[in-house]
Amino acid sequence: MDRDTVHTHINSLFQTVCIEVFEAHGSSAVLCDQSDVDGLNSAPIAVIDAGSQDFEILALLVIPMSVLSLTYPMQDEIINVDESELEDWLGEFSNQTIGRLKNKLLNHNCRLDLGLPDTYFDSNLQEVLADKNKLTQYSFKIDQEYVNTYLGIEFLTDELRFDLEDTQDTSAGEGELELF
């Protein structure tokens, strides 16, 4: 399988995953033009990675506090959500995002090992992005707020093992753990 095809397919899956995760937490999510999104340079950032023998993935989520509060699982406590709880929630949100991507890639006979998320609450986006490889930006409108996500893929081999056709491996459902 050639790199461009795999790259395009993984990016498409990532867009779908981002929408699914926000919708799973009660918010409507729509992919939008990046030029519509402004002023997220000081929003909290989560960085998480995953990899296989064929490639490594790096995902960044830039989610304003208002969206973190909106998607926080304890909706009745939204007024009293502590910043440390929102920091934990941002890390969990990134785990759920990369976990869903992992499950979708299983359907293409691609198994990923997941890393742990890093969160940044007082960092500038440009500082966090400075050491990162080329990333593709996707912007979403979440209810009436905006979120930026970034996905980077670094290929480690020319011989990619990736089935373009979805094999519909349903061995691991959402929230389930599959041990190898």
N, C-alpha and C. Protein backbone atom coordinates (compact mmCIF):
# COMPACT_ATOMS: atom_id res chain seq x y z
N MET A 1 0.86 -1.17 0.00
CA MET A 1 0.00 0.00 0.00
C MET A 1 0.90 1.23 0.00
N ASP A 2 0.57 2.22 -0.82
CA ASP A 2 1.42 3.41 -0.88
C ASP A 2 1.09 4.38 0.26
N ARG A 3 2.09 5.16 0.62
CA ARG A 3 2.00 6.06 1.77
C ARG A 3 0.89 7.10 1.62
N ASP A 4 0.76 7.69 0.44
CA ASP A 4 -0.26 8.73 0.26
C ASP A 4 -1.66 8.21 0.50
N THR A 5 -1.94 7.01 0.02
CA THR A 5 -3.27 6.42 0.21
C THR A 5 -3.52 6.14 1.69
N VAL A 6 -2.54 5.57 2.37
CA VAL A 6 -2.68 5.28 3.80
C VAL A 6 -2.82 6.58 4.58
N HIS A 7 -2.01 7.56 4.26
CA HIS A 7 -2.07 8.87 4.93
C HIS A 7 -3.46 9.48 4.80
N THR A 8 -3.98 9.50 3.60
CA THR A 8 -5.31 10.06 3.34
C THR A 8 -6.38 9.30 4.12
N HIS A 9 -6.27 7.99 4.14
CA HIS A 9 -7.29 7.18 4.81
C HIS A 9 -7.25 7.39 6.33
N ILE A 10 -6.06 7.41 6.91
CA ILE A 10 -5.95 7.62 8.36
C ILE A 10 -6.46 9.01 8.73
N ASN A 11 -6.15 10.02 7.92
CA ASN A 11 -6.66 11.37 8.20
C ASN A 11 -8.18 11.41 8.15
N SER A 12 -8.77 10.70 7.21
CA SER A 12 -10.23 10.64 7.12
C SER A 12 -10.82 9.96 8.36
N LEU A 13 -10.20 8.88 8.79
CA LEU A 13 -10.66 8.20 10.00
C LEU A 13 -10.54 9.10 11.22
N PHE A 14 -9.45 9.88 11.30
CA PHE A 14 -9.25 10.79 12.42
C PHE A 14 -10.35 11.85 12.47
N GLN A 15 -10.72 12.40 11.33
CA GLN A 15 -11.80 13.39 11.30
C GLN A 15 -13.09 12.77 11.84
N THR A 16 -13.40 11.57 11.39
CA THR A 16 -14.60 10.87 11.84
C THR A 16 -14.56 10.63 13.34
N VAL A 17 -13.41 10.18 13.83
CA VAL A 17 -13.24 9.91 15.25
C VAL A 17 -13.46 11.16 16.09
N CYS A 18 -12.91 12.28 15.65
CA CYS A 18 -13.08 13.53 16.41
C CYS A 18 -14.55 13.88 16.56
N ILE A 19 -15.29 13.78 15.48
CA ILE A 19 -16.73 14.06 15.52
C ILE A 19 -17.44 13.08 16.45
N GLU A 20 -17.10 11.80 16.34
CA GLU A 20 -17.75 10.78 17.18
C GLU A 20 -17.50 11.02 18.67
N VAL A 21 -16.29 11.40 19.03
CA VAL A 21 -15.99 11.59 20.46
C VAL A 21 -16.77 12.77 21.02
N PHE A 22 -16.82 13.88 20.28
CA PHE A 22 -17.60 15.02 20.77
C PHE A 22 -19.08 14.67 20.86
N GLU A 23 -19.60 13.98 19.86
CA GLU A 23 -21.02 13.61 19.88
C GLU A 23 -21.32 12.61 20.98
N ALA A 24 -20.37 11.75 21.31
CA ALA A 24 -20.56 10.79 22.41
C ALA A 24 -20.70 11.50 23.75
N HIS A 25 -20.22 12.74 23.81
CA HIS A 25 -20.31 13.52 25.04
C HIS A 25 -21.34 14.64 24.93
N GLY A 26 -22.31 14.45 24.05
CA GLY A 26 -23.47 15.32 24.00
C GLY A 26 -23.31 16.63 23.25
N SER A 27 -22.29 16.76 22.43
CA SER A 27 -22.09 18.00 21.69
C SER A 27 -22.12 17.73 20.20
N SER A 28 -22.75 18.63 19.46
CA SER A 28 -22.71 18.50 18.01
C SER A 28 -21.35 18.98 17.52
N ALA A 29 -20.81 18.29 16.53
CA ALA A 29 -19.49 18.63 16.00
C ALA A 29 -19.55 18.65 14.48
N VAL A 30 -19.02 19.74 13.91
CA VAL A 30 -19.02 19.89 12.46
C VAL A 30 -17.63 20.32 12.02
N LEU A 31 -17.08 19.63 11.03
CA LEU A 31 -15.80 20.03 10.45
C LEU A 31 -15.99 21.38 9.78
N CYS A 32 -15.08 22.31 10.01
CA CYS A 32 -15.23 23.64 9.43
C CYS A 32 -13.91 24.11 8.84
N ASP A 33 -13.96 25.21 8.14
CA ASP A 33 -12.79 25.80 7.51
C ASP A 33 -11.87 26.36 8.59
N GLN A 34 -10.58 26.10 8.44
CA GLN A 34 -9.60 26.58 9.43
C GLN A 34 -9.60 28.09 9.56
N SER A 35 -9.94 28.79 8.50
CA SER A 35 -9.93 30.25 8.56
C SER A 35 -11.02 30.80 9.47
N ASP A 36 -12.02 29.97 9.79
CA ASP A 36 -13.08 30.39 10.70
C ASP A 36 -12.62 30.39 12.15
N VAL A 37 -11.57 29.65 12.44
CA VAL A 37 -11.12 29.44 13.80
C VAL A 37 -9.98 30.41 14.11
N ASP A 38 -10.16 31.15 15.18
CA ASP A 38 -9.15 32.12 15.56
C ASP A 38 -9.05 32.16 17.08
N GLY A 39 -7.92 32.52 17.60
CA GLY A 39 -7.78 32.78 19.03
C GLY A 39 -7.67 31.56 19.92
N LEU A 40 -7.20 30.43 19.40
CA LEU A 40 -7.05 29.24 20.24
C LEU A 40 -5.62 29.06 20.73
N ASN A 41 -4.78 30.07 20.56
CA ASN A 41 -3.38 29.93 20.93
C ASN A 41 -3.16 29.72 22.42
N SER A 42 -4.09 30.14 23.25
CA SER A 42 -3.91 29.96 24.70
C SER A 42 -4.84 28.89 25.28
N ALA A 43 -5.54 28.15 24.43
CA ALA A 43 -6.44 27.10 24.90
C ALA A 43 -5.63 25.89 25.37
N PRO A 44 -6.18 25.10 26.28
CA PRO A 44 -5.50 23.88 26.73
C PRO A 44 -5.22 22.93 25.57
N ILE A 45 -4.10 22.21 25.69
CA ILE A 45 -3.63 21.34 24.61
C ILE A 45 -3.37 19.95 25.18
N ALA A 46 -3.77 18.93 24.44
CA ALA A 46 -3.42 17.55 24.76
C ALA A 46 -2.62 16.98 23.60
N VAL A 47 -1.57 16.25 23.91
CA VAL A 47 -0.74 15.60 22.91
C VAL A 47 -0.67 14.12 23.27
N ILE A 48 -0.94 13.26 22.28
CA ILE A 48 -0.87 11.82 22.51
C ILE A 48 -0.34 11.16 21.24
N ASP A 49 0.38 10.06 21.44
CA ASP A 49 0.94 9.38 20.28
C ASP A 49 0.54 7.92 20.30
N ALA A 50 0.74 7.28 19.15
CA ALA A 50 0.47 5.86 18.98
C ALA A 50 1.37 5.39 17.84
N GLY A 51 1.64 4.10 17.81
CA GLY A 51 2.50 3.63 16.75
C GLY A 51 2.36 2.15 16.47
N SER A 52 2.84 1.78 15.30
CA SER A 52 2.92 0.39 14.88
C SER A 52 4.30 0.20 14.28
N GLN A 53 4.55 -0.95 13.69
CA GLN A 53 5.83 -1.18 13.01
C GLN A 53 5.94 -0.34 11.75
N ASP A 54 4.81 0.07 11.21
CA ASP A 54 4.79 0.78 9.93
C ASP A 54 4.81 2.30 10.05
N PHE A 55 4.18 2.82 11.10
CA PHE A 55 4.10 4.28 11.23
C PHE A 55 3.83 4.69 12.67
N GLU A 56 4.10 5.96 12.93
CA GLU A 56 3.78 6.57 14.22
C GLU A 56 2.81 7.71 13.98
N ILE A 57 1.89 7.87 14.92
CA ILE A 57 0.87 8.91 14.83
C ILE A 57 1.02 9.84 16.03
N LEU A 58 0.87 11.11 15.78
CA LEU A 58 0.85 12.11 16.85
C LEU A 58 -0.43 12.92 16.68
N ALA A 59 -1.21 13.00 17.74
CA ALA A 59 -2.46 13.77 17.71
C ALA A 59 -2.39 14.86 18.76
N LEU A 60 -2.77 16.06 18.36
CA LEU A 60 -2.89 17.21 19.26
C LEU A 60 -4.32 17.68 19.25
N LEU A 61 -4.85 17.97 20.42
CA LEU A 61 -6.19 18.51 20.55
C LEU A 61 -6.08 19.85 21.27
N VAL A 62 -6.62 20.89 20.68
CA VAL A 62 -6.62 22.22 21.28
C VAL A 62 -8.08 22.54 21.59
N ILE A 63 -8.42 22.44 22.87
CA ILE A 63 -9.83 22.52 23.28
C ILE A 63 -9.98 23.62 24.33
N PRO A 64 -10.76 24.66 24.03
CA PRO A 64 -10.98 25.72 25.01
C PRO A 64 -11.67 25.20 26.27
N MET A 65 -11.46 25.91 27.37
CA MET A 65 -12.06 25.53 28.65
C MET A 65 -13.59 25.40 28.54
N SER A 66 -14.20 26.28 27.75
CA SER A 66 -15.66 26.24 27.62
C SER A 66 -16.12 24.92 27.02
N VAL A 67 -15.38 24.38 26.05
CA VAL A 67 -15.75 23.10 25.43
C VAL A 67 -15.44 21.95 26.39
N LEU A 68 -14.33 22.04 27.11
CA LEU A 68 -14.04 21.01 28.11
C LEU A 68 -15.15 20.94 29.16
N SER A 69 -15.61 22.09 29.60
CA SER A 69 -16.70 22.14 30.58
C SER A 69 -17.99 21.60 29.98
N LEU A 70 -18.23 21.94 28.73
CA LEU A 70 -19.45 21.51 28.04
C LEU A 70 -19.50 19.99 27.87
N THR A 71 -18.36 19.38 27.64
CA THR A 71 -18.32 17.93 27.39
C THR A 71 -18.00 17.12 28.65
N TYR A 72 -17.74 17.81 29.76
CA TYR A 72 -17.39 17.12 30.99
C TYR A 72 -18.50 16.15 31.38
N PRO A 73 -18.14 14.91 31.75
CA PRO A 73 -19.16 13.88 32.00
C PRO A 73 -20.15 14.18 33.11
N MET A 74 -19.77 14.92 34.11
CA MET A 74 -20.66 15.23 35.23
C MET A 74 -21.39 16.53 34.94
N GLN A 75 -22.33 16.51 34.03
CA GLN A 75 -23.00 17.72 33.57
C GLN A 75 -23.67 18.51 34.69
N ASP A 76 -24.19 17.84 35.70
CA ASP A 76 -24.86 18.57 36.78
C ASP A 76 -23.86 19.32 37.66
N GLU A 77 -22.57 19.02 37.52
CA GLU A 77 -21.55 19.70 38.31
C GLU A 77 -20.75 20.69 37.47
N ILE A 78 -21.27 21.06 36.31
CA ILE A 78 -20.50 21.89 35.37
C ILE A 78 -20.05 23.22 35.97
N ILE A 79 -20.85 23.79 36.85
CA ILE A 79 -20.50 25.08 37.45
C ILE A 79 -19.33 24.93 38.42
N ASN A 80 -19.23 23.77 39.06
CA ASN A 80 -18.22 23.57 40.09
C ASN A 80 -17.00 22.78 39.61
N VAL A 81 -16.78 22.67 38.31
CA VAL A 81 -15.67 21.87 37.81
C VAL A 81 -14.36 22.60 38.06
N ASP A 82 -13.49 21.94 38.77
CA ASP A 82 -12.17 22.47 39.10
C ASP A 82 -11.25 22.36 37.87
N GLU A 83 -10.30 23.28 37.76
CA GLU A 83 -9.39 23.25 36.60
C GLU A 83 -8.59 21.95 36.56
N SER A 84 -8.22 21.40 37.71
CA SER A 84 -7.47 20.14 37.71
C SER A 84 -8.32 19.00 37.16
N GLU A 85 -9.64 19.03 37.43
CA GLU A 85 -10.53 18.02 36.86
C GLU A 85 -10.63 18.18 35.36
N LEU A 86 -10.64 19.43 34.87
CA LEU A 86 -10.68 19.65 33.43
C LEU A 86 -9.37 19.22 32.77
N GLU A 87 -8.26 19.37 33.49
CA GLU A 87 -6.98 18.89 32.96
C GLU A 87 -7.00 17.37 32.82
N ASP A 88 -7.52 16.69 33.85
CA ASP A 88 -7.68 15.23 33.76
C ASP A 88 -8.62 14.86 32.62
N TRP A 89 -9.70 15.62 32.48
CA TRP A 89 -10.68 15.36 31.44
C TRP A 89 -10.06 15.54 30.05
N LEU A 90 -9.21 16.53 29.88
CA LEU A 90 -8.54 16.74 28.59
C LEU A 90 -7.67 15.54 28.25
N GLY A 91 -6.94 15.02 29.24
CA GLY A 91 -6.14 13.82 29.01
C GLY A 91 -7.00 12.62 28.66
N GLU A 92 -8.11 12.45 29.37
CA GLU A 92 -9.03 11.34 29.08
C GLU A 92 -9.67 11.51 27.71
N PHE A 93 -10.01 12.73 27.36
CA PHE A 93 -10.60 13.01 26.05
C PHE A 93 -9.64 12.62 24.94
N SER A 94 -8.35 12.93 25.11
CA SER A 94 -7.36 12.55 24.09
C SER A 94 -7.19 11.03 24.06
N ASN A 95 -7.25 10.38 25.22
CA ASN A 95 -7.21 8.91 25.25
C ASN A 95 -8.37 8.31 24.47
N GLN A 96 -9.56 8.85 24.67
CA GLN A 96 -10.72 8.34 23.96
C GLN A 96 -10.60 8.56 22.45
N THR A 97 -10.04 9.69 22.08
CA THR A 97 -9.88 9.99 20.65
C THR A 97 -8.92 9.01 20.00
N ILE A 98 -7.74 8.84 20.57
CA ILE A 98 -6.75 7.94 19.97
C ILE A 98 -7.20 6.49 20.09
N GLY A 99 -7.94 6.17 21.16
CA GLY A 99 -8.49 4.82 21.32
C GLY A 99 -9.49 4.47 20.24
N ARG A 100 -10.35 5.41 19.90
CA ARG A 100 -11.30 5.18 18.80
C ARG A 100 -10.58 5.02 17.47
N LEU A 101 -9.53 5.82 17.28
CA LEU A 101 -8.75 5.69 16.04
C LEU A 101 -8.09 4.31 16.00
N LYS A 102 -7.57 3.86 17.13
CA LYS A 102 -6.97 2.53 17.19
C LYS A 102 -7.99 1.47 16.81
N ASN A 103 -9.22 1.55 17.35
CA ASN A 103 -10.25 0.57 17.03
C ASN A 103 -10.61 0.60 15.55
N LYS A 104 -10.67 1.77 14.96
CA LYS A 104 -10.97 1.85 13.52
C LYS A 104 -9.83 1.27 12.68
N LEU A 105 -8.60 1.49 13.12
CA LEU A 105 -7.46 0.95 12.38
C LEU A 105 -7.36 -0.56 12.52
N LEU A 106 -7.88 -1.12 13.61
CA LEU A 106 -7.94 -2.58 13.75
C LEU A 106 -8.73 -3.18 12.59
N ASN A 107 -9.74 -2.45 12.13
CA ASN A 107 -10.56 -2.91 11.01
C ASN A 107 -9.79 -2.92 9.69
N HIS A 108 -8.57 -2.38 9.71
CA HIS A 108 -7.72 -2.37 8.52
C HIS A 108 -6.45 -3.19 8.78
N ASN A 109 -6.57 -4.11 9.73
CA ASN A 109 -5.46 -4.98 10.13
C ASN A 109 -4.22 -4.21 10.54
N CYS A 110 -4.43 -3.13 11.25
CA CYS A 110 -3.35 -2.30 11.74
C CYS A 110 -3.50 -2.17 13.25
N ARG A 111 -2.52 -2.65 13.98
CA ARG A 111 -2.56 -2.61 15.44
C ARG A 111 -1.61 -1.53 15.94
N LEU A 112 -2.15 -0.64 16.77
CA LEU A 112 -1.36 0.45 17.33
C LEU A 112 -1.08 0.21 18.81
N ASP A 113 0.09 0.63 19.24
CA ASP A 113 0.40 0.74 20.66
C ASP A 113 0.19 2.20 21.03
N LEU A 114 -0.54 2.45 22.11
CA LEU A 114 -0.88 3.81 22.49
C LEU A 114 0.09 4.36 23.52
N GLY A 115 0.36 5.64 23.39
CA GLY A 115 1.16 6.34 24.39
C GLY A 115 0.25 6.97 25.44
N LEU A 116 0.85 7.71 26.32
CA LEU A 116 0.10 8.43 27.36
C LEU A 116 -0.01 9.89 26.96
N PRO A 117 -1.12 10.52 27.33
CA PRO A 117 -1.29 11.93 26.95
C PRO A 117 -0.46 12.88 27.82
N ASP A 118 -0.05 13.95 27.20
CA ASP A 118 0.53 15.10 27.92
C ASP A 118 -0.45 16.24 27.74
N THR A 119 -0.68 16.99 28.80
CA THR A 119 -1.58 18.14 28.71
C THR A 119 -0.82 19.41 29.06
N TYR A 120 -1.21 20.48 28.39
CA TYR A 120 -0.59 21.79 28.58
C TYR A 120 -1.69 22.82 28.78
N PHE A 121 -1.69 23.46 29.94
CA PHE A 121 -2.72 24.45 30.21
C PHE A 121 -2.20 25.86 30.16
N ASP A 122 -0.92 26.02 30.29
CA ASP A 122 -0.36 27.37 30.29
C ASP A 122 0.70 27.53 29.21
N SER A 123 0.54 26.82 28.11
CA SER A 123 1.52 26.87 27.04
C SER A 123 0.91 27.49 25.79
N ASN A 124 1.77 28.08 25.03
CA ASN A 124 1.38 28.61 23.73
C ASN A 124 1.42 27.48 22.72
N LEU A 125 0.44 27.41 21.85
CA LEU A 125 0.37 26.36 20.85
C LEU A 125 1.64 26.29 20.01
N GLN A 126 2.18 27.42 19.63
CA GLN A 126 3.39 27.44 18.79
C GLN A 126 4.58 26.82 19.52
N GLU A 127 4.65 26.98 20.84
CA GLU A 127 5.72 26.36 21.61
C GLU A 127 5.58 24.84 21.60
N VAL A 128 4.36 24.35 21.75
CA VAL A 128 4.11 22.91 21.77
C VAL A 128 4.36 22.32 20.38
N LEU A 129 3.96 23.05 19.34
CA LEU A 129 4.12 22.57 17.97
C LEU A 129 5.56 22.64 17.46
N ALA A 130 6.42 23.40 18.12
CA ALA A 130 7.76 23.66 17.61
C ALA A 130 8.56 22.39 17.33
N ASP A 131 8.43 21.37 18.16
CA ASP A 131 9.21 20.15 17.99
C ASP A 131 8.48 19.06 17.20
N LYS A 132 7.31 19.34 16.74
CA LYS A 132 6.50 18.31 16.11
C LYS A 132 6.75 18.24 14.60
N ASN A 133 6.51 17.05 14.06
CA ASN A 133 6.62 16.86 12.62
C ASN A 133 5.49 17.59 11.92
N LYS A 134 5.47 17.46 10.62
CA LYS A 134 4.40 18.09 9.84
C LYS A 134 3.05 17.54 10.30
N LEU A 135 2.17 18.45 10.66
CA LEU A 135 0.85 18.07 11.17
C LEU A 135 -0.23 18.64 10.26
N THR A 136 -1.30 17.89 10.11
CA THR A 136 -2.46 18.36 9.36
C THR A 136 -3.49 18.87 10.36
N GLN A 137 -3.98 20.08 10.14
CA GLN A 137 -4.93 20.70 11.05
C GLN A 137 -6.36 20.44 10.59
N TYR A 138 -7.21 20.13 11.57
CA TYR A 138 -8.66 20.01 11.33
C TYR A 138 -9.35 20.84 12.40
N SER A 139 -10.26 21.69 11.95
CA SER A 139 -11.01 22.55 12.87
C SER A 139 -12.45 22.09 12.91
N PHE A 140 -13.02 22.16 14.09
CA PHE A 140 -14.40 21.73 14.30
C PHE A 140 -15.15 22.81 15.07
N LYS A 141 -16.42 22.94 14.71
CA LYS A 141 -17.31 23.79 15.49
C LYS A 141 -18.09 22.86 16.40
N ILE A 142 -17.91 23.08 17.69
CA ILE A 142 -18.55 22.26 18.72
C ILE A 142 -19.61 23.14 19.36
N ASP A 143 -20.87 22.83 19.07
CA ASP A 143 -21.98 23.69 19.44
C ASP A 143 -21.65 25.09 18.90
N GLN A 144 -21.35 26.07 19.71
CA GLN A 144 -21.03 27.40 19.19
C GLN A 144 -19.56 27.78 19.42
N GLU A 145 -18.75 26.82 19.76
CA GLU A 145 -17.33 27.05 20.04
C GLU A 145 -16.47 26.34 18.98
N TYR A 146 -15.19 26.68 18.95
CA TYR A 146 -14.28 26.07 17.99
C TYR A 146 -13.18 25.28 18.69
N VAL A 147 -12.74 24.22 18.02
CA VAL A 147 -11.68 23.35 18.49
C VAL A 147 -10.75 23.08 17.31
N ASN A 148 -9.46 23.02 17.57
CA ASN A 148 -8.50 22.62 16.55
C ASN A 148 -7.91 21.27 16.93
N THR A 149 -7.74 20.42 15.94
CA THR A 149 -7.04 19.16 16.14
C THR A 149 -5.94 19.09 15.09
N TYR A 150 -4.91 18.34 15.41
CA TYR A 150 -3.78 18.18 14.49
C TYR A 150 -3.40 16.71 14.49
N LEU A 151 -3.06 16.21 13.31
CA LEU A 151 -2.63 14.82 13.18
C LEU A 151 -1.36 14.76 12.37
N GLY A 152 -0.38 14.07 12.90
CA GLY A 152 0.88 13.84 12.19
C GLY A 152 1.11 12.36 12.04
N ILE A 153 1.58 11.96 10.88
CA ILE A 153 1.88 10.56 10.61
C ILE A 153 3.31 10.47 10.08
N GLU A 154 4.13 9.68 10.74
CA GLU A 154 5.50 9.45 10.28
C GLU A 154 5.62 7.98 9.88
N PHE A 155 5.92 7.75 8.62
CA PHE A 155 6.06 6.39 8.12
C PHE A 155 7.45 5.87 8.43
N LEU A 156 7.53 4.62 8.86
CA LEU A 156 8.79 4.01 9.27
C LEU A 156 9.32 3.00 8.27
N THR A 157 8.49 2.66 7.28
CA THR A 157 8.87 1.66 6.29
C THR A 157 8.20 1.97 4.96
N ASP A 158 8.74 1.43 3.91
CA ASP A 158 8.11 1.59 2.59
C ASP A 158 7.09 0.50 2.32
N GLU A 159 7.21 -0.63 3.00
CA GLU A 159 6.30 -1.76 2.83
C GLU A 159 5.21 -1.70 3.89
N LEU A 160 4.14 -1.00 3.61
CA LEU A 160 3.07 -0.80 4.60
C LEU A 160 2.10 -1.97 4.58
N ARG A 161 1.80 -2.48 5.78
CA ARG A 161 0.77 -3.52 5.92
C ARG A 161 -0.51 -2.83 6.36
N PHE A 162 -1.35 -2.56 5.40
CA PHE A 162 -2.58 -1.81 5.68
C PHE A 162 -3.62 -2.25 4.66
N ASP A 163 -4.75 -2.75 5.15
CA ASP A 163 -5.85 -3.13 4.25
C ASP A 163 -6.76 -1.94 4.07
N LEU A 164 -6.86 -1.48 2.84
CA LEU A 164 -7.72 -0.33 2.58
C LEU A 164 -9.19 -0.67 2.82
N GLU A 165 -9.57 -1.90 2.53
CA GLU A 165 -10.95 -2.33 2.77
C GLU A 165 -11.13 -2.58 4.26
N ASP A 166 -12.24 -2.13 4.79
CA ASP A 166 -12.59 -2.31 6.20
C ASP A 166 -12.94 -3.78 6.43
N THR A 167 -12.20 -4.45 7.32
CA THR A 167 -12.47 -5.87 7.59
C THR A 167 -13.57 -6.08 8.61
N GLN A 168 -14.07 -4.98 9.20
CA GLN A 168 -15.15 -5.03 10.20
C GLN A 168 -14.83 -5.99 11.34
N ASP A 169 -13.62 -5.93 11.85
CA ASP A 169 -13.25 -6.70 13.03
C ASP A 169 -13.96 -6.08 14.22
N THR A 170 -14.92 -6.77 14.76
CA THR A 170 -15.70 -6.23 15.88
C THR A 170 -15.29 -6.85 17.20
N SER A 171 -14.06 -7.35 17.28
CA SER A 171 -13.64 -8.02 18.50
C SER A 171 -13.55 -7.08 19.70
N ALA A 172 -13.25 -5.81 19.46
CA ALA A 172 -13.15 -4.87 20.57
C ALA A 172 -14.16 -3.75 20.38
N GLY A 173 -15.16 -3.71 21.23
CA GLY A 173 -16.15 -2.64 21.18
C GLY A 173 -15.66 -1.43 21.93
N GLU A 174 -16.42 -0.36 21.87
CA GLU A 174 -16.03 0.87 22.55
C GLU A 174 -15.94 0.64 24.04
N GLY A 175 -14.83 1.10 24.62
CA GLY A 175 -14.63 0.99 26.04
C GLY A 175 -14.12 -0.38 26.48
N GLU A 176 -13.95 -1.31 25.54
CA GLU A 176 -13.44 -2.62 25.87
C GLU A 176 -11.92 -2.65 25.67
N LEU A 177 -11.29 -3.53 26.38
CA LEU A 177 -9.86 -3.68 26.29
C LEU A 177 -9.56 -5.02 25.65
N GLU A 178 -8.67 -5.02 24.68
CA GLU A 178 -8.25 -6.25 24.04
C GLU A 178 -6.77 -6.44 24.34
N LEU A 179 -6.44 -7.54 25.00
CA LEU A 179 -5.06 -7.82 25.35
C LEU A 179 -4.47 -8.77 24.32
N PHE A 180 -3.20 -8.55 24.01
CA PHE A 180 -2.54 -9.38 23.00
C PHE A 180 -1.50 -10.25 23.65
